[in-house]
Amino acid sequence: MIRYYYDLTDGSIFFETNCNSDRTLEQDLEVFKPLQERVKGTYSYIDKEYEDIKFDLENSVGVSVDLDTGNLIFEHKGENGDTIIQDPITEKITRLEAKTELQEQALAELTMYISTLGI
């Protein structure tokens, strides 16, 4: 798991570390100087499984936190060099797979209904 510490004013990530899920903020504060240098209450953290964001990490040029949702957002370079900010691609894929499954179910139900009409 990766733990991202981010600033609550702008969502910028100032520290990241590999950790296990049972490690506490207090334990991190004892060990990591970047956290000791910050004022408590001006930052937070988010834990993400590496495998869940691996594709996004490998294909992005930056990462930050959306302060409204608390989710990671990734920066990618566009075709003409401009920065494109977007939600994790893996989350988009998951949403699209769920949407596709619903559409396939609806299509199957519609097909069954049409077959009962004898058309």
Protein backbone atom coordinates (compact mmCIF):
# COMPACT_ATOMS: atom_id res chain seq x y z
CA MET A 1 0.00 0.00 0.00
CA ILE A 2 1.10 3.55 -0.69
CA ARG A 3 0.28 6.31 1.77
CA TYR A 4 0.13 9.80 0.29
CA TYR A 5 0.33 12.80 2.61
CA TYR A 6 -1.16 15.93 1.09
CA ASP A 7 -1.66 19.58 1.92
CA LEU A 8 -5.25 20.50 2.81
CA THR A 9 -5.03 23.90 1.11
CA ASP A 10 -4.27 22.74 -2.43
CA GLY A 11 -4.17 18.92 -2.53
CA SER A 12 -0.47 18.78 -3.36
CA ILE A 13 1.29 15.65 -2.17
CA PHE A 14 4.34 16.42 -0.08
CA PHE A 15 5.26 12.94 1.12
CA GLU A 16 4.58 9.34 0.20
CA THR A 17 5.61 6.07 1.76
CA ASN A 18 4.94 2.37 1.44
CA CYS A 19 3.05 1.06 4.44
CA ASN A 20 0.78 -1.63 5.74
CA SER A 21 -2.83 -0.85 6.56
CA ASP A 22 -2.43 -1.03 10.34
CA ARG A 23 0.24 1.68 10.59
CA THR A 24 -1.06 4.81 12.31
CA LEU A 25 -0.45 8.50 11.75
CA GLU A 26 1.22 8.67 15.16
CA GLN A 27 3.72 5.99 14.11
CA ASP A 28 4.49 7.88 10.91
CA LEU A 29 4.98 11.10 12.89
CA GLU A 30 7.64 9.41 15.02
CA VAL A 31 9.62 8.29 11.99
CA PHE A 32 9.22 10.75 9.11
CA LYS A 33 10.78 14.21 9.32
CA PRO A 34 8.54 15.78 6.58
CA LEU A 35 5.53 15.07 8.82
CA GLN A 36 7.26 16.40 11.93
CA GLU A 37 7.94 19.67 10.11
CA ARG A 38 4.25 20.21 9.28
CA VAL A 39 1.60 21.77 11.48
CA LYS A 40 -0.95 19.18 12.53
CA GLY A 41 -4.33 19.85 10.94
CA THR A 42 -2.85 21.31 7.74
CA TYR A 43 -2.49 17.96 6.02
CA SER A 44 -4.13 14.59 5.68
CA TYR A 45 -3.38 11.28 4.01
CA ILE A 46 -4.89 8.75 1.67
CA ASP A 47 -3.96 5.08 1.40
CA LYS A 48 -4.09 3.33 -1.96
CA GLU A 49 -3.21 -0.19 -2.99
CA TYR A 50 -0.41 -0.01 -5.52
CA GLU A 51 -2.06 -2.49 -7.87
CA ASP A 52 -5.21 -0.33 -7.99
CA ILE A 53 -3.30 2.70 -9.32
CA LYS A 54 -0.28 1.07 -10.97
CA PHE A 55 -1.34 1.92 -14.53
CA ASP A 56 -2.08 5.52 -13.61
CA LEU A 57 1.24 5.95 -11.80
CA GLU A 58 3.20 4.50 -14.70
CA ASN A 59 1.45 6.70 -17.26
CA SER A 60 1.18 10.03 -15.47
CA VAL A 61 3.53 12.93 -14.90
CA GLY A 62 2.05 13.95 -11.55
CA VAL A 63 -0.47 13.12 -8.89
CA SER A 64 -2.42 15.20 -6.38
CA VAL A 65 -5.57 14.92 -4.31
CA ASP A 66 -8.96 16.36 -5.22
CA LEU A 67 -9.93 18.17 -2.02
CA ASP A 68 -13.66 17.93 -2.81
CA THR A 69 -13.71 14.15 -3.18
CA GLY A 70 -10.53 13.03 -1.38
CA ASN A 71 -9.58 10.98 -4.44
CA LEU A 72 -6.30 10.96 -6.28
CA ILE A 73 -6.14 12.82 -9.58
CA PHE A 74 -3.44 12.20 -12.14
CA GLU A 75 -1.75 14.58 -14.54
CA HIS A 76 -1.01 13.39 -18.06
CA LYS A 77 0.66 15.15 -20.96
CA GLY A 78 -1.61 15.91 -23.90
CA GLU A 79 -0.64 15.61 -27.55
CA ASN A 80 0.53 19.21 -27.74
CA GLY A 81 2.35 19.11 -24.40
CA ASP A 82 -0.40 20.60 -22.26
CA THR A 83 -1.26 19.04 -18.91
CA ILE A 84 -4.49 17.05 -18.67
CA ILE A 85 -5.85 16.34 -15.19
CA GLN A 86 -8.16 13.38 -14.81
CA ASP A 87 -9.51 10.78 -12.43
CA PRO A 88 -7.62 7.49 -12.28
CA ILE A 89 -8.00 5.54 -15.51
CA THR A 90 -8.50 2.35 -13.53
CA GLU A 91 -11.56 3.90 -11.82
CA LYS A 92 -12.94 4.96 -15.20
CA ILE A 93 -12.48 1.42 -16.51
CA THR A 94 -14.32 -0.01 -13.49
CA ARG A 95 -17.23 2.42 -14.00
CA LEU A 96 -17.38 1.62 -17.73
CA GLU A 97 -17.34 -2.13 -17.06
CA ALA A 98 -20.25 -1.75 -14.63
CA LYS A 99 -22.14 0.40 -17.14
CA THR A 100 -21.52 -2.13 -19.91
CA GLU A 101 -22.78 -4.95 -17.72
CA LEU A 102 -26.00 -3.04 -17.01
CA GLN A 103 -26.48 -2.33 -20.71
CA GLU A 104 -25.94 -5.99 -21.58
CA GLN A 105 -28.53 -7.02 -18.98
CA ALA A 106 -31.01 -4.48 -20.33
CA LEU A 107 -30.42 -5.68 -23.88
CA ALA A 108 -30.95 -9.31 -22.84
CA GLU A 109 -34.22 -8.38 -21.11
CA LEU A 110 -35.37 -6.39 -24.13
CA THR A 111 -34.51 -9.29 -26.44
CA MET A 112 -36.51 -11.67 -24.24
CA TYR A 113 -39.48 -9.28 -24.23
CA ILE A 114 -39.40 -8.86 -28.01
CA SER A 115 -39.31 -12.63 -28.48
CA THR A 116 -42.54 -12.95 -26.47
CA LEU A 117 -44.28 -10.53 -28.85
CA GLY A 118 -43.83 -12.95 -31.74
CA ILE A 119 -42.40 -10.30 -34.04
